[in-house]
C-alpha atoms as a PDB file:
ATOM      1  CA  THR A   1     -25.516 -14.346   6.570  1.00  0.00           C
ATOM      2  CA  LEU A   2     -21.786 -13.479   5.300  1.00  0.00           C
ATOM      3  CA  LEU A   3     -20.020 -12.400   7.946  1.00  0.00           C
ATOM      4  CA  PRO A   4     -18.216  -9.081   6.506  1.00  0.00           C
ATOM      5  CA  PHE A   5     -14.441  -7.679   7.060  1.00  0.00           C
ATOM      6  CA  PRO A   6     -14.542  -5.645   9.727  1.00  0.00           C
ATOM      7  CA  ALA A   7     -13.378  -1.316   9.901  1.00  0.00           C
ATOM      8  CA  LEU A   8     -11.627  -1.401  13.056  1.00  0.00           C
ATOM      9  CA  SER A   9     -11.005   2.059  12.757  1.00  0.00           C
ATOM     10  CA  PRO A  10     -11.814   5.622  10.274  1.00  0.00           C
ATOM     11  CA  THR A  11      -8.844   5.047   8.364  1.00  0.00           C
ATOM     12  CA  MET A  12      -8.582   1.828   7.716  1.00  0.00           C
ATOM     13  CA  GLU A  13      -9.035  -0.556   4.526  1.00  0.00           C
ATOM     14  CA  SER A  14      -7.684  -3.396   4.657  1.00  0.00           C
ATOM     15  CA  GLY A  15      -6.668  -5.880   7.414  1.00  0.00           C
ATOM     16  CA  THR A  16      -4.772  -8.799   7.845  1.00  0.00           C
ATOM     17  CA  ILE A  17      -6.994 -12.223  10.293  1.00  0.00           C
ATOM     18  CA  ALA A  18      -4.388 -13.234  12.591  1.00  0.00           C
ATOM     19  CA  LYS A  19      -5.937 -16.339  14.456  1.00  0.00           C
ATOM     20  CA  TRP A  20      -9.810 -16.741  14.324  1.00  0.00           C
ATOM     21  CA  GLU A  21     -10.513 -17.353  17.222  1.00  0.00           C
ATOM     22  CA  LEU A  22     -13.589 -19.968  17.318  1.00  0.00           C
ATOM     23  CA  ALA A  23     -13.708 -21.956  15.125  1.00  0.00           C
ATOM     24  CA  GLU A  24     -16.454 -23.398  12.599  1.00  0.00           C
ATOM     25  CA  GLY A  25     -19.729 -25.213  14.260  1.00  0.00           C
ATOM     26  CA  ASP A  26     -19.555 -22.598  17.376  1.00  0.00           C
ATOM     27  CA  ALA A  27     -21.539 -20.812  18.421  1.00  0.00           C
ATOM     28  CA  PHE A  28     -21.125 -17.526  19.998  1.00  0.00           C
ATOM     29  CA  SER A  29     -22.861 -14.347  21.499  1.00  0.00           C
ATOM     30  CA  ALA A  30     -23.208 -10.960  21.260  1.00  0.00           C
ATOM     31  CA  GLY A  31     -19.537  -9.823  22.423  1.00  0.00           C
ATOM     32  CA  SER A  32     -17.437 -12.850  22.144  1.00  0.00           C
ATOM     33  CA  VAL A  33     -14.656 -12.556  20.047  1.00  0.00           C
ATOM     34  CA  ILE A  34     -14.713 -14.075  16.484  1.00  0.00           C
ATOM     35  CA  CYS A  35     -11.105 -13.246  15.237  1.00  0.00           C
ATOM     36  CA  SER A  36      -8.034 -10.904  15.620  1.00  0.00           C
ATOM     37  CA  ILE A  37      -7.612  -8.512  13.216  1.00  0.00           C
ATOM     38  CA  GLU A  38      -3.646  -7.212  11.841  1.00  0.00           C
ATOM     39  CA  THR A  39      -3.964  -3.265  10.689  1.00  0.00           C
ATOM     40  CA  ASP A  40      -1.152  -1.664  10.114  1.00  0.00           C
ATOM     41  CA  LYS A  41      -1.414   0.050  13.497  1.00  0.00           C
ATOM     42  CA  ALA A  42      -1.779  -2.573  16.167  1.00  0.00           C
ATOM     43  CA  THR A  43      -4.197  -5.984  16.210  1.00  0.00           C
ATOM     44  CA  MET A  44      -7.429  -6.095  17.723  1.00  0.00           C
ATOM     45  CA  ASP A  45     -10.069  -8.271  18.705  1.00  0.00           C
ATOM     46  CA  PHE A  46     -13.449  -8.246  15.926  1.00  0.00           C
ATOM     47  CA  GLU A  47     -17.037  -8.970  18.731  1.00  0.00           C
ATOM     48  CA  ALA A  48     -20.133 -10.375  17.280  1.00  0.00           C
ATOM     49  CA  GLN A  49     -22.324  -7.819  17.175  1.00  0.00           C
ATOM     50  CA  ASP A  50     -25.229 -10.331  17.412  1.00  0.00           C
ATOM     51  CA  ASP A  51     -25.271 -14.497  18.395  1.00  0.00           C
ATOM     52  CA  GLY A  52     -24.882 -16.784  15.795  1.00  0.00           C
ATOM     53  CA  ILE A  53     -23.094 -19.844  15.085  1.00  0.00           C
ATOM     54  CA  ILE A  54     -20.379 -20.137  12.380  1.00  0.00           C
ATOM     55  CA  ALA A  55     -20.529 -21.898   9.659  1.00  0.00           C
ATOM     56  CA  LYS A  56     -18.133 -21.543   7.848  1.00  0.00           C
ATOM     57  CA  ILE A  57     -14.959 -19.596   7.915  1.00  0.00           C
ATOM     58  CA  LEU A  58     -13.808 -18.406   4.584  1.00  0.00           C
ATOM     59  CA  LYS A  59      -9.996 -16.891   4.580  1.00  0.00           C
ATOM     60  CA  ASP A  60      -8.186 -18.409   6.572  1.00  0.00           C
ATOM     61  CA  GLY A  61      -4.056 -18.396   6.315  1.00  0.00           C
ATOM     62  CA  PRO A  62      -2.388 -17.526   3.405  1.00  0.00           C
ATOM     63  CA  ASP A  63      -6.491 -16.428   1.799  1.00  0.00           C
ATOM     64  CA  ALA A  64      -6.647 -14.201   4.665  1.00  0.00           C
ATOM     65  CA  VAL A  65      -4.312 -11.797   4.310  1.00  0.00           C
ATOM     66  CA  ASP A  66      -4.668  -7.540   3.249  1.00  0.00           C
ATOM     67  CA  LEU A  67      -8.045  -8.376   3.131  1.00  0.00           C
ATOM     68  CA  PRO A  68     -10.757  -5.080   1.694  1.00  0.00           C
ATOM     69  CA  ILE A  69     -12.581  -3.856   4.193  1.00  0.00           C
ATOM     70  CA  GLY A  70     -16.364  -5.351   3.421  1.00  0.00           C
ATOM     71  CA  SER A  71     -14.870  -8.800   1.825  1.00  0.00           C
ATOM     72  CA  PRO A  72     -16.879 -12.162   3.213  1.00  0.00           C
ATOM     73  CA  ILE A  73     -14.943 -13.578   5.833  1.00  0.00           C
ATOM     74  CA  ALA A  74     -17.327 -17.026   7.187  1.00  0.00           C
ATOM     75  CA  VAL A  75     -20.846 -17.883   6.866  1.00  0.00           C
ATOM     76  CA  VAL A  76     -23.086 -17.034   9.600  1.00  0.00           C
ATOM     77  CA  VAL A  77     -25.750 -19.481  10.735  1.00  0.00           C
ATOM     78  CA  GLU A  78     -28.622 -18.762  13.648  1.00  0.00           C
ATOM     79  CA  GLU A  79     -29.410 -22.391  13.656  1.00  0.00           C
ATOM     80  CA  GLU A  80     -27.611 -25.415  14.646  1.00  0.00           C
ATOM     81  CA  GLU A  81     -29.098 -27.562  12.253  1.00  0.00           C
ATOM     82  CA  ASP A  82     -28.145 -24.902   9.810  1.00  0.00           C
ATOM     83  CA  VAL A  83     -24.099 -25.385   9.787  1.00  0.00           C
ATOM     84  CA  ALA A  84     -23.966 -28.519   7.898  1.00  0.00           C
ATOM     85  CA  ALA A  85     -25.667 -26.918   4.749  1.00  0.00           C
ATOM     86  CA  PHE A  86     -21.806 -24.909   4.574  1.00  0.00           C
ATOM     87  CA  ALA A  87     -19.805 -27.421   5.189  1.00  0.00           C
ATOM     88  CA  ASP A  88     -18.544 -27.874   1.329  1.00  0.00           C
ATOM     89  CA  TYR A  89     -19.649 -23.441   0.675  1.00  0.00           C
ATOM     90  CA  VAL A  90     -17.076 -22.235  -1.708  1.00  0.00           C
ATOM     91  CA  LEU A  91     -17.079 -18.418  -2.130  1.00  0.00           C
ATOM     92  CA  GLU A  92     -17.368 -17.801  -5.814  1.00  0.00           C
ATOM     93  CA  GLU A  93     -15.073 -15.401  -6.949  1.00  0.00           C
ATOM     94  CA  SER A  94     -14.044 -14.979 -10.921  1.00  0.00           C
ATOM     95  CA  GLY A  95     -10.956 -13.564 -12.328  1.00  0.00           C
ATOM     96  CA  ALA A  96     -13.057 -12.501 -14.825  1.00  0.00           C
ATOM     97  CA  PRO A  97     -12.861  -8.559 -15.875  1.00  0.00           C
ATOM     98  CA  GLY A  98     -16.313  -6.352 -14.470  1.00  0.00           C
ATOM     99  CA  ALA A  99     -16.433  -9.680 -11.944  1.00  0.00           C
ATOM    100  CA  THR A 100     -16.740  -7.530  -8.898  1.00  0.00           C
ATOM    101  CA  ALA A 101     -17.739  -4.439  -9.995  1.00  0.00           C
ATOM    102  CA  ALA A 102     -21.338  -4.692  -8.606  1.00  0.00           C
ATOM    103  CA  SER A 103     -19.584  -4.981  -5.409  1.00  0.00           C
ATOM    104  CA  GLU A 104     -16.476  -2.211  -5.248  1.00  0.00           C
ATOM    105  CA  PRO A 105     -16.502   0.524  -6.660  1.00  0.00           C
ATOM    106  CA  ALA A 106     -14.645   0.873  -9.599  1.00  0.00           C
ATOM    107  CA  PRO A 107     -10.692   2.480  -9.323  1.00  0.00           C
ATOM    108  CA  ALA A 108      -9.955   6.081  -9.821  1.00  0.00           C
ATOM    109  CA  PRO A 109      -8.081   6.939 -12.736  1.00  0.00           C
END
């Protein structure tokens, strides 16, 4: 399951992952802090809604700056044996025009 970047406030449009509290392979339960997220106003904890295991962190360091709400930040699995399957997983991001048209609304004219 792809874990989307959360909206931590009603007006939040983007943010930065300040620090991952969990590493790849770490199990977590509902309420666990997954990472700290900086917004334009504050730094807040992103808490898990369900139990799972971080299989792959997709956004970290320079790639985790000004992320739009909903963009995938990690792969989460339910079973520990599934973690290895995502070791080499790469998020397919194409720079081709229209490549993200299905998942993002078109910019207003």
